[in-house]
Amino acid sequence: MDKILPPLPPCDEESLTKNVFDSQFRTTARDFWGDNKLERITLDEPKKCEHEFMATTDGVTCEKCHIGWIGKEMEARDGKLYVHNQLIEI
């Protein structure tokens, strides 16, 4: 029979600087994580792509960022996206 494990204590800066005992975790976050190396990754806003669309066999795709859509009503003209012959600004 599988045993359901409790969630891990938080490892954010605030939780690690506090030394508050949490009965749910039966320890403090600082005690649990101890001297483990914590690596924090911050995500930056993605850069806005100046799309250059091209037609594929089943839709369109951007040559620069590779975003694409499937659909017979999609069309690429001069790098721009058209749906039902209307220009779509993305």
PDB file of N, CA and C in Angstrom:
ATOM      1  N   MET A   1       0.839  -1.185   0.000  1.00  0.00           N
ATOM      2  CA  MET A   1       0.000   0.000   0.000  1.00  0.00           C
ATOM      3  C   MET A   1       0.875   1.235   0.000  1.00  0.00           C
ATOM      4  N   ASP A   2       0.566   2.186  -0.867  1.00  0.00           N
ATOM      5  CA  ASP A   2       1.333   3.416  -0.960  1.00  0.00           C
ATOM      6  C   ASP A   2       1.076   4.303   0.248  1.00  0.00           C
ATOM      7  N   LYS A   3       2.118   4.989   0.669  1.00  0.00           N
ATOM      8  CA  LYS A   3       1.994   5.925   1.775  1.00  0.00           C
ATOM      9  C   LYS A   3       2.014   7.332   1.200  1.00  0.00           C
ATOM     10  N   ILE A   4       1.055   8.149   1.589  1.00  0.00           N
ATOM     11  CA  ILE A   4       0.997   9.535   1.131  1.00  0.00           C
ATOM     12  C   ILE A   4       1.925  10.362   2.016  1.00  0.00           C
ATOM     13  N   LEU A   5       2.893  11.000   1.387  1.00  0.00           N
ATOM     14  CA  LEU A   5       3.862  11.802   2.121  1.00  0.00           C
ATOM     15  C   LEU A   5       3.332  13.216   2.313  1.00  0.00           C
ATOM     16  N   PRO A   6       3.702  13.844   3.427  1.00  0.00           N
ATOM     17  CA  PRO A   6       3.275  15.234   3.640  1.00  0.00           C
ATOM     18  C   PRO A   6       4.036  16.154   2.692  1.00  0.00           C
ATOM     19  N   PRO A   7       3.523  17.357   2.431  1.00  0.00           N
ATOM     20  CA  PRO A   7       4.233  18.286   1.559  1.00  0.00           C
ATOM     21  C   PRO A   7       5.538  18.758   2.196  1.00  0.00           C
ATOM     22  N   LEU A   8       6.474  19.150   1.366  1.00  0.00           N
ATOM     23  CA  LEU A   8       7.739  19.681   1.868  1.00  0.00           C
ATOM     24  C   LEU A   8       7.529  21.071   2.452  1.00  0.00           C
ATOM     25  N   PRO A   9       8.327  21.448   3.457  1.00  0.00           N
ATOM     26  CA  PRO A   9       8.219  22.810   3.976  1.00  0.00           C
ATOM     27  C   PRO A   9       8.673  23.811   2.924  1.00  0.00           C
ATOM     28  N   PRO A  10       8.192  25.040   2.981  1.00  0.00           N
ATOM     29  CA  PRO A  10       8.584  26.038   1.983  1.00  0.00           C
ATOM     30  C   PRO A  10      10.068  26.361   2.078  1.00  0.00           C
ATOM     31  N   CYS A  11      10.644  26.784   0.967  1.00  0.00           N
ATOM     32  CA  CYS A  11      12.072  27.129   0.970  1.00  0.00           C
ATOM     33  C   CYS A  11      12.294  28.564   0.494  1.00  0.00           C
ATOM     34  N   ASP A  12      11.264  29.414   0.631  1.00  0.00           N
ATOM     35  CA  ASP A  12      11.435  30.813   0.260  1.00  0.00           C
ATOM     36  C   ASP A  12      12.237  31.536   1.346  1.00  0.00           C
ATOM     37  N   GLU A  13      12.754  32.699   1.004  1.00  0.00           N
ATOM     38  CA  GLU A  13      13.613  33.455   1.917  1.00  0.00           C
ATOM     39  C   GLU A  13      12.949  33.728   3.265  1.00  0.00           C
ATOM     40  N   GLU A  14      11.687  34.118   3.228  1.00  0.00           N
ATOM     41  CA  GLU A  14      10.983  34.451   4.467  1.00  0.00           C
ATOM     42  C   GLU A  14      10.892  33.238   5.393  1.00  0.00           C
ATOM     43  N   SER A  15      10.536  32.087   4.840  1.00  0.00           N
ATOM     44  CA  SER A  15      10.404  30.877   5.659  1.00  0.00           C
ATOM     45  C   SER A  15      11.749  30.421   6.207  1.00  0.00           C
ATOM     46  N   LEU A  16      12.819  30.604   5.424  1.00  0.00           N
ATOM     47  CA  LEU A  16      14.130  30.173   5.881  1.00  0.00           C
ATOM     48  C   LEU A  16      14.724  31.106   6.927  1.00  0.00           C
ATOM     49  N   THR A  17      14.337  32.379   6.931  1.00  0.00           N
ATOM     50  CA  THR A  17      14.874  33.294   7.927  1.00  0.00           C
ATOM     51  C   THR A  17      14.114  33.210   9.243  1.00  0.00           C
ATOM     52  N   LYS A  18      12.850  32.819   9.177  1.00  0.00           N
ATOM     53  CA  LYS A  18      12.086  32.622  10.406  1.00  0.00           C
ATOM     54  C   LYS A  18      12.502  31.290  11.029  1.00  0.00           C
ATOM     55  N   ASN A  19      12.405  31.203  12.316  1.00  0.00           N
ATOM     56  CA  ASN A  19      12.709  29.942  12.977  1.00  0.00           C
ATOM     57  C   ASN A  19      11.453  29.475  13.694  1.00  0.00           C
ATOM     58  N   VAL A  20      10.343  29.420  12.969  1.00  0.00           N
ATOM     59  CA  VAL A  20       9.046  29.085  13.534  1.00  0.00           C
ATOM     60  C   VAL A  20       8.786  27.600  13.316  1.00  0.00           C
ATOM     61  N   PHE A  21       8.437  26.916  14.386  1.00  0.00           N
ATOM     62  CA  PHE A  21       8.116  25.499  14.296  1.00  0.00           C
ATOM     63  C   PHE A  21       6.741  25.337  13.667  1.00  0.00           C
ATOM     64  N   ASP A  22       6.662  24.472  12.685  1.00  0.00           N
ATOM     65  CA  ASP A  22       5.404  24.206  11.990  1.00  0.00           C
ATOM     66  C   ASP A  22       4.996  22.776  12.305  1.00  0.00           C
ATOM     67  N   SER A  23       3.862  22.614  13.002  1.00  0.00           N
ATOM     68  CA  SER A  23       3.429  21.276  13.410  1.00  0.00           C
ATOM     69  C   SER A  23       3.110  20.390  12.214  1.00  0.00           C
ATOM     70  N   GLN A  24       2.716  20.994  11.101  1.00  0.00           N
ATOM     71  CA  GLN A  24       2.409  20.196   9.912  1.00  0.00           C
ATOM     72  C   GLN A  24       3.678  19.500   9.409  1.00  0.00           C
ATOM     73  N   PHE A  25       4.812  20.202   9.469  1.00  0.00           N
ATOM     74  CA  PHE A  25       6.061  19.644   8.975  1.00  0.00           C
ATOM     75  C   PHE A  25       6.905  19.038  10.096  1.00  0.00           C
ATOM     76  N   ARG A  26       6.521  19.277  11.338  1.00  0.00           N
ATOM     77  CA  ARG A  26       7.204  18.776  12.530  1.00  0.00           C
ATOM     78  C   ARG A  26       8.652  19.253  12.633  1.00  0.00           C
ATOM     79  N   THR A  27       8.929  20.375  12.009  1.00  0.00           N
ATOM     80  CA  THR A  27      10.255  20.978  12.071  1.00  0.00           C
ATOM     81  C   THR A  27      10.154  22.394  11.522  1.00  0.00           C
ATOM     82  N   THR A  28      11.238  23.120  11.555  1.00  0.00           N
ATOM     83  CA  THR A  28      11.250  24.427  10.911  1.00  0.00           C
ATOM     84  C   THR A  28      11.792  24.254   9.492  1.00  0.00           C
ATOM     85  N   ALA A  29      11.478  25.205   8.635  1.00  0.00           N
ATOM     86  CA  ALA A  29      11.973  25.130   7.264  1.00  0.00           C
ATOM     87  C   ALA A  29      13.499  25.161   7.256  1.00  0.00           C
ATOM     88  N   ARG A  30      14.068  25.989   8.141  1.00  0.00           N
ATOM     89  CA  ARG A  30      15.526  26.094   8.204  1.00  0.00           C
ATOM     90  C   ARG A  30      16.156  24.772   8.646  1.00  0.00           C
ATOM     91  N   ASP A  31      15.542  24.108   9.618  1.00  0.00           N
ATOM     92  CA  ASP A  31      16.063  22.811  10.067  1.00  0.00           C
ATOM     93  C   ASP A  31      15.925  21.753   8.973  1.00  0.00           C
ATOM     94  N   PHE A  32      14.807  21.773   8.271  1.00  0.00           N
ATOM     95  CA  PHE A  32      14.573  20.769   7.251  1.00  0.00           C
ATOM     96  C   PHE A  32      15.553  20.920   6.082  1.00  0.00           C
ATOM     97  N   TRP A  33      15.691  22.146   5.565  1.00  0.00           N
ATOM     98  CA  TRP A  33      16.535  22.358   4.405  1.00  0.00           C
ATOM     99  C   TRP A  33      18.009  22.450   4.790  1.00  0.00           C
ATOM    100  N   GLY A  34      18.275  22.825   6.050  1.00  0.00           N
ATOM    101  CA  GLY A  34      19.643  22.851   6.571  1.00  0.00           C
ATOM    102  C   GLY A  34      20.624  23.584   5.691  1.00  0.00           C
ATOM    103  N   ASP A  35      21.739  22.936   5.414  1.00  0.00           N
ATOM    104  CA  ASP A  35      22.802  23.552   4.607  1.00  0.00           C
ATOM    105  C   ASP A  35      22.725  23.138   3.141  1.00  0.00           C
ATOM    106  N   ASN A  36      21.572  22.660   2.726  1.00  0.00           N
ATOM    107  CA  ASN A  36      21.417  22.274   1.324  1.00  0.00           C
ATOM    108  C   ASN A  36      21.595  23.486   0.420  1.00  0.00           C
ATOM    109  N   LYS A  37      22.128  23.244  -0.736  1.00  0.00           N
ATOM    110  CA  LYS A  37      22.293  24.329  -1.707  1.00  0.00           C
ATOM    111  C   LYS A  37      20.946  24.572  -2.374  1.00  0.00           C
ATOM    112  N   LEU A  38      20.444  25.789  -2.257  1.00  0.00           N
ATOM    113  CA  LEU A  38      19.188  26.159  -2.887  1.00  0.00           C
ATOM    114  C   LEU A  38      19.495  27.056  -4.075  1.00  0.00           C
ATOM    115  N   GLU A  39      18.986  26.690  -5.218  1.00  0.00           N
ATOM    116  CA  GLU A  39      19.195  27.483  -6.423  1.00  0.00           C
ATOM    117  C   GLU A  39      17.870  28.101  -6.825  1.00  0.00           C
ATOM    118  N   ARG A  40      17.838  29.406  -6.888  1.00  0.00           N
ATOM    119  CA  ARG A  40      16.611  30.111  -7.263  1.00  0.00           C
ATOM    120  C   ARG A  40      16.736  30.590  -8.702  1.00  0.00           C
ATOM    121  N   ILE A  41      15.721  30.330  -9.465  1.00  0.00           N
ATOM    122  CA  ILE A  41      15.698  30.731 -10.865  1.00  0.00           C
ATOM    123  C   ILE A  41      14.608  31.770 -11.034  1.00  0.00           C
ATOM    124  N   THR A  42      14.985  32.923 -11.531  1.00  0.00           N
ATOM    125  CA  THR A  42      13.996  33.967 -11.784  1.00  0.00           C
ATOM    126  C   THR A  42      13.729  34.011 -13.282  1.00  0.00           C
ATOM    127  N   LEU A  43      12.478  34.089 -13.620  1.00  0.00           N
ATOM    128  CA  LEU A  43      12.089  34.122 -15.017  1.00  0.00           C
ATOM    129  C   LEU A  43      11.882  35.558 -15.459  1.00  0.00           C
ATOM    130  N   ASP A  44      12.468  35.909 -16.568  1.00  0.00           N
ATOM    131  CA  ASP A  44      12.295  37.234 -17.144  1.00  0.00           C
ATOM    132  C   ASP A  44      11.127  37.196 -18.118  1.00  0.00           C
ATOM    133  N   GLU A  45      10.557  38.365 -18.360  1.00  0.00           N
ATOM    134  CA  GLU A  45       9.493  38.461 -19.355  1.00  0.00           C
ATOM    135  C   GLU A  45      10.075  38.105 -20.720  1.00  0.00           C
ATOM    136  N   PRO A  46       9.388  37.253 -21.467  1.00  0.00           N
ATOM    137  CA  PRO A  46       9.915  36.934 -22.796  1.00  0.00           C
ATOM    138  C   PRO A  46       9.873  38.153 -23.709  1.00  0.00           C
ATOM    139  N   LYS A  47      10.824  38.207 -24.597  1.00  0.00           N
ATOM    140  CA  LYS A  47      10.875  39.325 -25.541  1.00  0.00           C
ATOM    141  C   LYS A  47       9.744  39.185 -26.550  1.00  0.00           C
ATOM    142  N   LYS A  48       9.169  40.300 -26.932  1.00  0.00           N
ATOM    143  CA  LYS A  48       8.102  40.294 -27.913  1.00  0.00           C
ATOM    144  C   LYS A  48       8.712  40.011 -29.280  1.00  0.00           C
ATOM    145  N   CYS A  49       8.140  39.061 -29.969  1.00  0.00           N
ATOM    146  CA  CYS A  49       8.645  38.662 -31.279  1.00  0.00           C
ATOM    147  C   CYS A  49       8.006  39.506 -32.376  1.00  0.00           C
ATOM    148  N   GLU A  50       8.809  39.920 -33.314  1.00  0.00           N
ATOM    149  CA  GLU A  50       8.315  40.573 -34.529  1.00  0.00           C
ATOM    150  C   GLU A  50       8.079  39.436 -35.524  1.00  0.00           C
ATOM    151  N   HIS A  51       6.911  38.818 -35.435  1.00  0.00           N
ATOM    152  CA  HIS A  51       6.624  37.590 -36.178  1.00  0.00           C
ATOM    153  C   HIS A  51       6.838  37.739 -37.679  1.00  0.00           C
ATOM    154  N   GLU A  52       7.355  36.680 -38.254  1.00  0.00           N
ATOM    155  CA  GLU A  52       7.537  36.552 -39.698  1.00  0.00           C
ATOM    156  C   GLU A  52       6.920  35.205 -40.076  1.00  0.00           C
ATOM    157  N   PHE A  53       5.629  35.236 -40.378  1.00  0.00           N
ATOM    158  CA  PHE A  53       4.897  33.997 -40.613  1.00  0.00           C
ATOM    159  C   PHE A  53       5.180  33.417 -41.991  1.00  0.00           C
ATOM    160  N   MET A  54       5.148  32.087 -42.045  1.00  0.00           N
ATOM    161  CA  MET A  54       5.249  31.369 -43.302  1.00  0.00           C
ATOM    162  C   MET A  54       4.226  30.242 -43.286  1.00  0.00           C
ATOM    163  N   ALA A  55       3.761  29.871 -44.455  1.00  0.00           N
ATOM    164  CA  ALA A  55       2.755  28.823 -44.568  1.00  0.00           C
ATOM    165  C   ALA A  55       3.392  27.449 -44.350  1.00  0.00           C
ATOM    166  N   THR A  56       2.641  26.567 -43.702  1.00  0.00           N
ATOM    167  CA  THR A  56       3.022  25.164 -43.574  1.00  0.00           C
ATOM    168  C   THR A  56       1.940  24.337 -44.258  1.00  0.00           C
ATOM    169  N   THR A  57       2.097  23.030 -44.243  1.00  0.00           N
ATOM    170  CA  THR A  57       1.110  22.175 -44.912  1.00  0.00           C
ATOM    171  C   THR A  57      -0.245  22.202 -44.227  1.00  0.00           C
ATOM    172  N   ASP A  58      -0.271  22.525 -42.940  1.00  0.00           N
ATOM    173  CA  ASP A  58      -1.534  22.495 -42.204  1.00  0.00           C
ATOM    174  C   ASP A  58      -1.868  23.795 -41.476  1.00  0.00           C
ATOM    175  N   GLY A  59      -1.142  24.888 -41.749  1.00  0.00           N
ATOM    176  CA  GLY A  59      -1.411  26.160 -41.083  1.00  0.00           C
ATOM    177  C   GLY A  59      -0.313  27.162 -41.334  1.00  0.00           C
ATOM    178  N   VAL A  60       0.105  27.864 -40.272  1.00  0.00           N
ATOM    179  CA  VAL A  60       1.186  28.847 -40.365  1.00  0.00           C
ATOM    180  C   VAL A  60       2.106  28.704 -39.163  1.00  0.00           C
ATOM    181  N   THR A  61       3.350  29.179 -39.313  1.00  0.00           N
ATOM    182  CA  THR A  61       4.305  29.193 -38.219  1.00  0.00           C
ATOM    183  C   THR A  61       5.226  30.397 -38.372  1.00  0.00           C
ATOM    184  N   CYS A  62       5.733  30.889 -37.254  1.00  0.00           N
ATOM    185  CA  CYS A  62       6.666  32.019 -37.264  1.00  0.00           C
ATOM    186  C   CYS A  62       8.088  31.476 -37.446  1.00  0.00           C
ATOM    187  N   GLU A  63       8.821  32.058 -38.391  1.00  0.00           N
ATOM    188  CA  GLU A  63      10.197  31.615 -38.644  1.00  0.00           C
ATOM    189  C   GLU A  63      11.133  31.964 -37.497  1.00  0.00           C
ATOM    190  N   LYS A  64      10.793  32.998 -36.711  1.00  0.00           N
ATOM    191  CA  LYS A  64      11.676  33.465 -35.646  1.00  0.00           C
ATOM    192  C   LYS A  64      11.455  32.719 -34.325  1.00  0.00           C
ATOM    193  N   CYS A  65      10.198  32.695 -33.836  1.00  0.00           N
ATOM    194  CA  CYS A  65       9.939  32.102 -32.511  1.00  0.00           C
ATOM    195  C   CYS A  65       9.245  30.743 -32.592  1.00  0.00           C
ATOM    196  N   HIS A  66       8.880  30.322 -33.785  1.00  0.00           N
ATOM    197  CA  HIS A  66       8.301  29.011 -34.053  1.00  0.00           C
ATOM    198  C   HIS A  66       6.907  28.793 -33.477  1.00  0.00           C
ATOM    199  N   ILE A  67       6.208  29.870 -33.117  1.00  0.00           N
ATOM    200  CA  ILE A  67       4.816  29.723 -32.715  1.00  0.00           C
ATOM    201  C   ILE A  67       4.021  29.438 -33.985  1.00  0.00           C
ATOM    202  N   GLY A  68       2.972  28.661 -33.863  1.00  0.00           N
ATOM    203  CA  GLY A  68       2.203  28.345 -35.052  1.00  0.00           C
ATOM    204  C   GLY A  68       0.784  27.958 -34.727  1.00  0.00           C
ATOM    205  N   TRP A  69      -0.035  27.953 -35.749  1.00  0.00           N
ATOM    206  CA  TRP A  69      -1.431  27.560 -35.619  1.00  0.00           C
ATOM    207  C   TRP A  69      -1.791  26.627 -36.760  1.00  0.00           C
ATOM    208  N   ILE A  70      -2.697  25.733 -36.479  1.00  0.00           N
ATOM    209  CA  ILE A  70      -3.180  24.786 -37.471  1.00  0.00           C
ATOM    210  C   ILE A  70      -4.565  25.224 -37.912  1.00  0.00           C
ATOM    211  N   GLY A  71      -4.796  25.200 -39.177  1.00  0.00           N
ATOM    212  CA  GLY A  71      -6.113  25.531 -39.699  1.00  0.00           C
ATOM    213  C   GLY A  71      -6.039  25.907 -41.162  1.00  0.00           C
ATOM    214  N   LYS A  72      -7.000  25.451 -41.913  1.00  0.00           N
ATOM    215  CA  LYS A  72      -7.018  25.747 -43.343  1.00  0.00           C
ATOM    216  C   LYS A  72      -7.342  27.199 -43.626  1.00  0.00           C
ATOM    217  N   GLU A  73      -7.987  27.878 -42.663  1.00  0.00           N
ATOM    218  CA  GLU A  73      -8.330  29.285 -42.863  1.00  0.00           C
ATOM    219  C   GLU A  73      -7.156  30.224 -42.588  1.00  0.00           C
ATOM    220  N   MET A  74      -6.042  29.689 -42.080  1.00  0.00           N
ATOM    221  CA  MET A  74      -4.843  30.487 -41.809  1.00  0.00           C
ATOM    222  C   MET A  74      -4.048  30.651 -43.098  1.00  0.00           C
ATOM    223  N   GLU A  75      -3.503  31.861 -43.276  1.00  0.00           N
ATOM    224  CA  GLU A  75      -2.719  32.128 -44.473  1.00  0.00           C
ATOM    225  C   GLU A  75      -1.606  33.107 -44.129  1.00  0.00           C
ATOM    226  N   ALA A  76      -0.441  32.901 -44.694  1.00  0.00           N
ATOM    227  CA  ALA A  76       0.690  33.806 -44.493  1.00  0.00           C
ATOM    228  C   ALA A  76       0.972  34.527 -45.795  1.00  0.00           C
ATOM    229  N   ARG A  77       0.954  35.868 -45.719  1.00  0.00           N
ATOM    230  CA  ARG A  77       1.277  36.706 -46.884  1.00  0.00           C
ATOM    231  C   ARG A  77       2.285  37.758 -46.455  1.00  0.00           C
ATOM    232  N   ASP A  78       3.406  37.798 -47.132  1.00  0.00           N
ATOM    233  CA  ASP A  78       4.470  38.767 -46.820  1.00  0.00           C
ATOM    234  C   ASP A  78       4.846  38.755 -45.341  1.00  0.00           C
ATOM    235  N   GLY A  79       4.839  37.573 -44.730  1.00  0.00           N
ATOM    236  CA  GLY A  79       5.211  37.442 -43.324  1.00  0.00           C
ATOM    237  C   GLY A  79       4.123  37.810 -42.339  1.00  0.00           C
ATOM    238  N   LYS A  80       2.968  38.193 -42.814  1.00  0.00           N
ATOM    239  CA  LYS A  80       1.838  38.572 -41.950  1.00  0.00           C
ATOM    240  C   LYS A  80       0.830  37.429 -41.901  1.00  0.00           C
ATOM    241  N   LEU A  81       0.049  37.386 -40.823  1.00  0.00           N
ATOM    242  CA  LEU A  81      -0.952  36.350 -40.629  1.00  0.00           C
ATOM    243  C   LEU A  81      -2.323  36.857 -41.055  1.00  0.00           C
ATOM    244  N   TYR A  82      -2.983  36.076 -41.863  1.00  0.00           N
ATOM    245  CA  TYR A  82      -4.334  36.394 -42.315  1.00  0.00           C
ATOM    246  C   TYR A  82      -5.248  35.219 -41.976  1.00  0.00           C
ATOM    247  N   VAL A  83      -6.437  35.532 -41.464  1.00  0.00           N
ATOM    248  CA  VAL A  83      -7.466  34.531 -41.193  1.00  0.00           C
ATOM    249  C   VAL A  83      -8.720  35.001 -41.912  1.00  0.00           C
ATOM    250  N   HIS A  84      -9.237  34.139 -42.772  1.00  0.00           N
ATOM    251  CA  HIS A  84     -10.392  34.493 -43.609  1.00  0.00           C
ATOM    252  C   HIS A  84     -10.156  35.815 -44.343  1.00  0.00           C
ATOM    253  N   ASN A  85      -8.946  35.964 -44.895  1.00  0.00           N
ATOM    254  CA  ASN A  85      -8.538  37.146 -45.670  1.00  0.00           C
ATOM    255  C   ASN A  85      -8.506  38.443 -44.847  1.00  0.00           C
ATOM    256  N   GLN A  86      -8.470  38.356 -43.504  1.00  0.00           N
ATOM    257  CA  GLN A  86      -8.334  39.534 -42.649  1.00  0.00           C
ATOM    258  C   GLN A  86      -6.980  39.478 -41.936  1.00  0.00           C
ATOM    259  N   LEU A  87      -6.274  40.605 -41.955  1.00  0.00           N
ATOM    260  CA  LEU A  87      -4.984  40.697 -41.283  1.00  0.00           C
ATOM    261  C   LEU A  87      -5.168  40.591 -39.781  1.00  0.00           C
ATOM    262  N   ILE A  88      -4.387  39.737 -39.143  1.00  0.00           N
ATOM    263  CA  ILE A  88      -4.427  39.548 -37.680  1.00  0.00           C
ATOM    264  C   ILE A  88      -3.122  40.093 -37.107  1.00  0.00           C
ATOM    265  N   GLU A  89      -3.207  41.084 -36.235  1.00  0.00           N
ATOM    266  CA  GLU A  89      -2.022  41.647 -35.576  1.00  0.00           C
ATOM    267  C   GLU A  89      -1.747  40.875 -34.285  1.00  0.00           C
ATOM    268  N   ILE A  90      -0.548  40.338 -34.192  1.00  0.00           N
ATOM    269  CA  ILE A  90      -0.159  39.580 -32.990  1.00  0.00           C
ATOM    270  C   ILE A  90       1.088  40.198 -32.412  1.00  0.00           C
TER     271      ILE A  90
END
